Each structure stands twice: as C-alpha cells, then as structure tokens.
Amino acid sequence: MPIQGRHRVLLGMARGVGKTYRMLRDGMLDAENGRDVVIGYLEPHDRDATVAQSTGFETVPRRSVEHRGTAMDEMDLPAVLRRRPELCLVDELAHTNAPGVEHPKRYEDVYDMLDAGIDVYTTMNVQHLESLNDQIAELTATRVRETVPDVVLKRADEVVLIDLTPEALIDRLRAGKIYPTDRVP
C-alpha cells in the first residue's frame, strides 16, 4: 500500500487574490528542488501572469466528456493516476465534475490521488465552504452552488490562507487582472 499523499489547500478570501499563482509558484519551487511535478488541472481565467507562471510544467491533458450534447473539458483523473507524479497541482477544488467521470466532485478526485501516494496542492475560496453557504448568501445575495464539506479542510495536511488588502484587490480589479476591464463595474 502506498504512503498517503500530503494535501495542501491554498484558501483564498476572494477571487483574484493569487491562489492559483501561488500554487504554481510553490510547485515550481518544488520542481526546481528535484520533485516530479505536473499540472492536473489549471484554470488560468485568461490571466497573463497565471499563464506565464504555468510555463515549464508538464500538464496532463484534459479529457472531453459529453453531457447533454455539450462537450466539457474535465481533469483526466485516470491519466494522472497512471502518470503518478510526486506532486500534482489541481485548481478549483470545489468544482462539480460533469456526469460520467469517476466522482461528482473534484475534491473526491483529489482523495484518489492522495490515496495513490501523490501529493496535491489545490485551490479554493472561503465562500465554497459548505458551513458558510447560508452566511455567504445572506452577505452577498448570491448562493454559491459549488461547495466543499468542511471536513476537506480538516483532513488537509496544510491550509495556506491567501489574501490581499481590499485596496490591493480593488487595484487588481481596476487593472483588469481579475476580470476583463469591461466586466469590472
């Protein structure tokens, strides 16, 4: 039986605070120190700095899954497990997978990697925590549909809080670093 992989969650206080960028930077440092690192799933949101930070990594190609006549790109969990990297970088931990893949939720895919002895760095925002769903809906008037049970954070070996000051986040918004400038208002 392989040794259980270690799980690091980069937990953001808001969209655009730098979770994915930090995950990639940490992964690159590990690769520079001789670890076998691959990207299992990356969602760069058309952010140039994030795309640039991902340069040089091997990326496990996504697989196409058809659902209701629409092709959807999903992380290829079987390909990651066959590849068996030492460390896999997986963005968007709260993602709901398309029907027809191994698990309904991406965090369950991550558990399979951990069980196979693969270390995983993942990203998610605090509003995706299941226990905060009602409070987030009350504060923002928006119900978050993709949630992660709190036990996912409790089971993680490390949780790294990623945050910015409100002023820095607003500056990033205005500069078009989070959304295209026409979507900022």
C-alpha atoms as a PDB file:
ATOM      1  CA  MET A   1       0.000   0.000   0.000  1.00  0.00           C
ATOM      2  CA  PRO A   2       1.499   3.365  -0.985  1.00  0.00           C
ATOM      3  CA  ILE A   3       2.092   6.069   1.567  1.00  0.00           C
ATOM      4  CA  GLN A   4      -0.754   8.595   1.735  1.00  0.00           C
ATOM      5  CA  GLY A   5      -0.030  11.761  -0.232  1.00  0.00           C
ATOM      6  CA  ARG A   6       0.068  15.129   1.501  1.00  0.00           C
ATOM      7  CA  HIS A   7      -2.627  17.715   0.755  1.00  0.00           C
ATOM      8  CA  ARG A   8      -2.028  21.476   0.761  1.00  0.00           C
ATOM      9  CA  VAL A   9      -5.059  23.727   0.252  1.00  0.00           C
ATOM     10  CA  LEU A  10      -4.470  27.325  -0.796  1.00  0.00           C
ATOM     11  CA  LEU A  11      -7.561  29.010   0.635  1.00  0.00           C
ATOM     12  CA  GLY A  12      -8.419  32.417  -0.783  1.00  0.00           C
ATOM     13  CA  MET A  13     -10.530  35.043   0.883  1.00  0.00           C
ATOM     14  CA  ALA A  14     -11.790  36.249  -2.518  1.00  0.00           C
ATOM     15  CA  ARG A  15     -11.437  35.637  -6.218  1.00  0.00           C
ATOM     16  CA  GLY A  16      -8.262  37.116  -7.658  1.00  0.00           C
ATOM     17  CA  VAL A  17      -6.125  37.181  -4.512  1.00  0.00           C
ATOM     18  CA  GLY A  18      -3.454  34.947  -6.053  1.00  0.00           C
ATOM     19  CA  LYS A  19      -4.250  31.339  -5.051  1.00  0.00           C
ATOM     20  CA  THR A  20      -3.501  29.807  -8.432  1.00  0.00           C
ATOM     21  CA  TYR A  21      -0.416  31.953  -8.953  1.00  0.00           C
ATOM     22  CA  ARG A  22       0.907  30.902  -5.530  1.00  0.00           C
ATOM     23  CA  MET A  23       0.130  27.222  -6.193  1.00  0.00           C
ATOM     24  CA  LEU A  24       2.114  27.399  -9.431  1.00  0.00           C
ATOM     25  CA  ARG A  25       4.981  29.271  -7.781  1.00  0.00           C
ATOM     26  CA  ASP A  26       5.181  26.726  -4.958  1.00  0.00           C
ATOM     27  CA  GLY A  27       5.015  23.888  -7.480  1.00  0.00           C
ATOM     28  CA  MET A  28       7.856  25.437  -9.488  1.00  0.00           C
ATOM     29  CA  LEU A  29       9.999  25.707  -6.345  1.00  0.00           C
ATOM     30  CA  ASP A  30       9.346  22.017  -5.675  1.00  0.00           C
ATOM     31  CA  ALA A  31      10.263  21.145  -9.281  1.00  0.00           C
ATOM     32  CA  GLU A  32      13.463  23.177  -9.013  1.00  0.00           C
ATOM     33  CA  ASN A  33      14.302  21.106  -5.935  1.00  0.00           C
ATOM     34  CA  GLY A  34      14.027  17.899  -7.966  1.00  0.00           C
ATOM     35  CA  ARG A  35      10.413  16.845  -7.410  1.00  0.00           C
ATOM     36  CA  ASP A  36       8.340  15.408 -10.255  1.00  0.00           C
ATOM     37  CA  VAL A  37       5.519  17.985 -10.568  1.00  0.00           C
ATOM     38  CA  VAL A  38       2.636  18.073 -13.050  1.00  0.00           C
ATOM     39  CA  ILE A  39      -0.451  20.188 -13.536  1.00  0.00           C
ATOM     40  CA  GLY A  40      -3.551  18.022 -13.246  1.00  0.00           C
ATOM     41  CA  TYR A  41      -5.958  20.892 -13.802  1.00  0.00           C
ATOM     42  CA  LEU A  42      -5.388  24.614 -14.264  1.00  0.00           C
ATOM     43  CA  GLU A  43      -7.985  27.335 -14.754  1.00  0.00           C
ATOM     44  CA  PRO A  44      -5.958  30.481 -15.575  1.00  0.00           C
ATOM     45  CA  HIS A  45      -9.050  32.645 -16.272  1.00  0.00           C
ATOM     46  CA  ASP A  46      -7.154  34.315 -19.148  1.00  0.00           C
ATOM     47  CA  ARG A  47      -4.807  35.991 -16.646  1.00  0.00           C
ATOM     48  CA  ASP A  48      -1.482  36.587 -18.371  1.00  0.00           C
ATOM     49  CA  ALA A  49       0.565  36.337 -15.168  1.00  0.00           C
ATOM     50  CA  THR A  50      -1.019  32.988 -14.311  1.00  0.00           C
ATOM     51  CA  VAL A  51      -0.435  31.617 -17.803  1.00  0.00           C
ATOM     52  CA  ALA A  52       3.189  32.794 -17.647  1.00  0.00           C
ATOM     53  CA  GLN A  53       3.649  31.170 -14.233  1.00  0.00           C
ATOM     54  CA  SER A  54       2.457  27.828 -15.655  1.00  0.00           C
ATOM     55  CA  THR A  55       5.139  27.792 -18.355  1.00  0.00           C
ATOM     56  CA  GLY A  56       7.568  24.911 -17.998  1.00  0.00           C
ATOM     57  CA  PHE A  57       5.216  22.499 -16.267  1.00  0.00           C
ATOM     58  CA  GLU A  58       4.113  19.224 -17.758  1.00  0.00           C
ATOM     59  CA  THR A  59       0.327  19.322 -17.962  1.00  0.00           C
ATOM     60  CA  VAL A  60      -1.798  16.199 -18.020  1.00  0.00           C
ATOM     61  CA  PRO A  61      -4.200  16.821 -20.933  1.00  0.00           C
ATOM     62  CA  ARG A  62      -7.850  17.297 -20.054  1.00  0.00           C
ATOM     63  CA  ARG A  63     -10.406  14.827 -21.270  1.00  0.00           C
ATOM     64  CA  SER A  64     -13.579  15.737 -23.082  1.00  0.00           C
ATOM     65  CA  VAL A  65     -16.832  14.496 -21.562  1.00  0.00           C
ATOM     66  CA  GLU A  66     -20.139  14.921 -23.352  1.00  0.00           C
ATOM     67  CA  HIS A  67     -23.108  15.975 -21.238  1.00  0.00           C
ATOM     68  CA  ARG A  68     -26.485  16.807 -22.777  1.00  0.00           C
ATOM     69  CA  GLY A  69     -24.907  17.316 -26.175  1.00  0.00           C
ATOM     70  CA  THR A  70     -22.179  19.641 -24.916  1.00  0.00           C
ATOM     71  CA  ALA A  71     -18.511  18.680 -24.717  1.00  0.00           C
ATOM     72  CA  MET A  72     -16.960  19.612 -21.366  1.00  0.00           C
ATOM     73  CA  ASP A  73     -13.259  19.530 -20.533  1.00  0.00           C
ATOM     74  CA  GLU A  74     -12.500  17.828 -17.234  1.00  0.00           C
ATOM     75  CA  MET A  75      -9.379  16.773 -15.380  1.00  0.00           C
ATOM     76  CA  ASP A  76      -8.303  13.311 -16.531  1.00  0.00           C
ATOM     77  CA  LEU A  77      -8.019  11.531 -13.189  1.00  0.00           C
ATOM     78  CA  PRO A  78      -7.107   8.106 -14.667  1.00  0.00           C
ATOM     79  CA  ALA A  79      -4.284   9.755 -16.672  1.00  0.00           C
ATOM     80  CA  VAL A  80      -2.950  11.488 -13.531  1.00  0.00           C
ATOM     81  CA  LEU A  81      -3.029   8.201 -11.628  1.00  0.00           C
ATOM     82  CA  ARG A  82      -1.221   6.403 -14.485  1.00  0.00           C
ATOM     83  CA  ARG A  83       1.377   9.195 -14.658  1.00  0.00           C
ATOM     84  CA  ARG A  84       1.972   9.025 -10.851  1.00  0.00           C
ATOM     85  CA  PRO A  85       3.805  12.319 -10.288  1.00  0.00           C
ATOM     86  CA  GLU A  86       5.214  13.116  -6.873  1.00  0.00           C
ATOM     87  CA  LEU A  87       3.129  16.310  -6.799  1.00  0.00           C
ATOM     88  CA  CYS A  88       0.019  17.250  -8.764  1.00  0.00           C
ATOM     89  CA  LEU A  89      -1.313  20.817  -8.955  1.00  0.00           C
ATOM     90  CA  VAL A  90      -5.112  20.933  -9.070  1.00  0.00           C
ATOM     91  CA  ASP A  91      -7.004  24.217  -9.375  1.00  0.00           C
ATOM     92  CA  GLU A  92     -10.661  24.757  -8.391  1.00  0.00           C
ATOM     93  CA  LEU A  93     -11.122  22.165  -5.624  1.00  0.00           C
ATOM     94  CA  ALA A  94     -14.863  22.944  -5.274  1.00  0.00           C
ATOM     95  CA  HIS A  95     -15.582  22.162  -8.944  1.00  0.00           C
ATOM     96  CA  THR A  96     -18.507  19.891  -9.780  1.00  0.00           C
ATOM     97  CA  ASN A  97     -17.458  17.347 -12.394  1.00  0.00           C
ATOM     98  CA  ALA A  98     -19.514  16.525 -15.451  1.00  0.00           C
ATOM     99  CA  PRO A  99     -21.628  13.384 -15.099  1.00  0.00           C
ATOM    100  CA  GLY A 100     -19.864  10.275 -16.331  1.00  0.00           C
ATOM    101  CA  VAL A 101     -16.465  10.783 -14.705  1.00  0.00           C
ATOM    102  CA  GLU A 102     -15.235   8.888 -11.639  1.00  0.00           C
ATOM    103  CA  HIS A 103     -16.605  11.261  -8.984  1.00  0.00           C
ATOM    104  CA  PRO A 104     -19.203  14.024  -8.747  1.00  0.00           C
ATOM    105  CA  LYS A 105     -16.738  16.480  -7.140  1.00  0.00           C
ATOM    106  CA  ARG A 106     -13.105  17.365  -7.794  1.00  0.00           C
ATOM    107  CA  TYR A 107     -12.170  17.060  -4.112  1.00  0.00           C
ATOM    108  CA  GLU A 108     -13.070  13.360  -4.428  1.00  0.00           C
ATOM    109  CA  ASP A 109     -10.645  13.106  -7.364  1.00  0.00           C
ATOM    110  CA  VAL A 110      -8.002  14.637  -5.112  1.00  0.00           C
ATOM    111  CA  TYR A 111      -8.699  11.974  -2.470  1.00  0.00           C
ATOM    112  CA  ASP A 112      -7.954   9.276  -5.079  1.00  0.00           C
ATOM    113  CA  MET A 113      -4.616  10.955  -5.832  1.00  0.00           C
ATOM    114  CA  LEU A 114      -3.759  11.199  -2.143  1.00  0.00           C
ATOM    115  CA  ASP A 115      -4.698   7.535  -1.640  1.00  0.00           C
ATOM    116  CA  ALA A 116      -2.316   6.680  -4.506  1.00  0.00           C
ATOM    117  CA  GLY A 117       0.527   8.423  -2.652  1.00  0.00           C
ATOM    118  CA  ILE A 118       0.537  11.591  -4.787  1.00  0.00           C
ATOM    119  CA  ASP A 119       0.978  14.911  -3.001  1.00  0.00           C
ATOM    120  CA  VAL A 120      -1.575  17.511  -4.142  1.00  0.00           C
ATOM    121  CA  TYR A 121      -1.686  21.302  -3.977  1.00  0.00           C
ATOM    122  CA  THR A 122      -5.213  22.656  -4.538  1.00  0.00           C
ATOM    123  CA  THR A 123      -7.028  25.999  -4.535  1.00  0.00           C
ATOM    124  CA  MET A 124     -10.427  27.166  -3.350  1.00  0.00           C
ATOM    125  CA  ASN A 125     -12.145  30.264  -1.985  1.00  0.00           C
ATOM    126  CA  VAL A 126     -13.596  30.510   1.502  1.00  0.00           C
ATOM    127  CA  GLN A 127     -17.120  31.058   0.121  1.00  0.00           C
ATOM    128  CA  HIS A 128     -17.060  27.470  -1.133  1.00  0.00           C
ATOM    129  CA  LEU A 129     -17.018  26.043   2.406  1.00  0.00           C
ATOM    130  CA  GLU A 130     -20.324  24.265   2.953  1.00  0.00           C
ATOM    131  CA  SER A 131     -20.813  25.568   6.511  1.00  0.00           C
ATOM    132  CA  LEU A 132     -20.563  29.182   5.333  1.00  0.00           C
ATOM    133  CA  ASN A 133     -23.065  28.846   2.483  1.00  0.00           C
ATOM    134  CA  ASP A 134     -26.016  30.496   4.270  1.00  0.00           C
ATOM    135  CA  GLN A 135     -23.877  33.335   5.636  1.00  0.00           C
ATOM    136  CA  ILE A 136     -22.325  33.997   2.229  1.00  0.00           C
ATOM    137  CA  ALA A 137     -25.776  34.055   0.605  1.00  0.00           C
ATOM    138  CA  GLU A 138     -27.011  36.500   3.240  1.00  0.00           C
ATOM    139  CA  LEU A 139     -23.997  38.812   2.827  1.00  0.00           C
ATOM    140  CA  THR A 140     -23.757  38.746  -0.957  1.00  0.00           C
ATOM    141  CA  ALA A 141     -27.330  37.912  -2.058  1.00  0.00           C
ATOM    142  CA  THR A 142     -25.766  35.120  -4.124  1.00  0.00           C
ATOM    143  CA  ARG A 143     -25.965  31.422  -3.292  1.00  0.00           C
ATOM    144  CA  VAL A 144     -22.721  29.568  -4.015  1.00  0.00           C
ATOM    145  CA  ARG A 145     -23.662  26.327  -5.768  1.00  0.00           C
ATOM    146  CA  GLU A 146     -20.311  24.550  -5.665  1.00  0.00           C
ATOM    147  CA  THR A 147     -19.351  23.785  -2.082  1.00  0.00           C
ATOM    148  CA  VAL A 148     -16.872  21.588  -0.273  1.00  0.00           C
ATOM    149  CA  PRO A 149     -17.623  19.882   3.043  1.00  0.00           C
ATOM    150  CA  ASP A 150     -15.641  21.411   5.899  1.00  0.00           C
ATOM    151  CA  VAL A 151     -14.032  18.027   6.557  1.00  0.00           C
ATOM    152  CA  VAL A 152     -11.961  18.520   3.387  1.00  0.00           C
ATOM    153  CA  LEU A 153     -10.064  21.329   5.134  1.00  0.00           C
ATOM    154  CA  LYS A 154      -9.886  19.362   8.375  1.00  0.00           C
ATOM    155  CA  ARG A 155      -8.306  16.419   6.511  1.00  0.00           C
ATOM    156  CA  ALA A 156      -5.783  18.642   4.698  1.00  0.00           C
ATOM    157  CA  ASP A 157      -2.206  18.456   5.923  1.00  0.00           C
ATOM    158  CA  GLU A 158      -1.759  22.188   5.399  1.00  0.00           C
ATOM    159  CA  VAL A 159      -4.093  25.126   4.745  1.00  0.00           C
ATOM    160  CA  VAL A 160      -2.428  28.304   3.460  1.00  0.00           C
ATOM    161  CA  LEU A 161      -4.515  31.465   3.678  1.00  0.00           C
ATOM    162  CA  ILE A 162      -4.136  33.705   0.617  1.00  0.00           C
ATOM    163  CA  ASP A 163      -5.474  37.237   0.994  1.00  0.00           C
ATOM    164  CA  LEU A 164      -4.947  40.833  -0.106  1.00  0.00           C
ATOM    165  CA  THR A 165      -5.961  44.117   1.402  1.00  0.00           C
ATOM    166  CA  PRO A 166      -9.229  45.467  -0.028  1.00  0.00           C
ATOM    167  CA  GLU A 167      -7.251  48.304  -1.657  1.00  0.00           C
ATOM    168  CA  ALA A 168      -4.855  45.909  -3.389  1.00  0.00           C
ATOM    169  CA  LEU A 169      -7.742  43.752  -4.590  1.00  0.00           C
ATOM    170  CA  ILE A 170      -9.567  46.808  -5.964  1.00  0.00           C
ATOM    171  CA  ASP A 171      -6.357  47.893  -7.731  1.00  0.00           C
ATOM    172  CA  ARG A 172      -6.075  44.419  -9.305  1.00  0.00           C
ATOM    173  CA  LEU A 173      -9.719  44.632 -10.390  1.00  0.00           C
ATOM    174  CA  ARG A 174      -9.286  48.076 -11.963  1.00  0.00           C
ATOM    175  CA  ALA A 175      -6.127  46.941 -13.752  1.00  0.00           C
ATOM    176  CA  GLY A 176      -8.051  44.060 -15.378  1.00  0.00           C
ATOM    177  CA  LYS A 177      -6.041  41.405 -13.546  1.00  0.00           C
ATOM    178  CA  ILE A 178      -9.108  39.570 -12.201  1.00  0.00           C
ATOM    179  CA  TYR A 179     -11.793  40.250 -14.815  1.00  0.00           C
ATOM    180  CA  PRO A 180     -11.546  41.939 -18.201  1.00  0.00           C
ATOM    181  CA  THR A 181     -11.863  45.690 -17.589  1.00  0.00           C
ATOM    182  CA  ASP A 182     -15.314  45.828 -19.249  1.00  0.00           C
ATOM    183  CA  ARG A 183     -16.619  43.412 -16.555  1.00  0.00           C
ATOM    184  CA  VAL A 184     -15.180  45.315 -13.569  1.00  0.00           C
ATOM    185  CA  PRO A 185     -18.205  47.567 -12.848  1.00  0.00           C
END
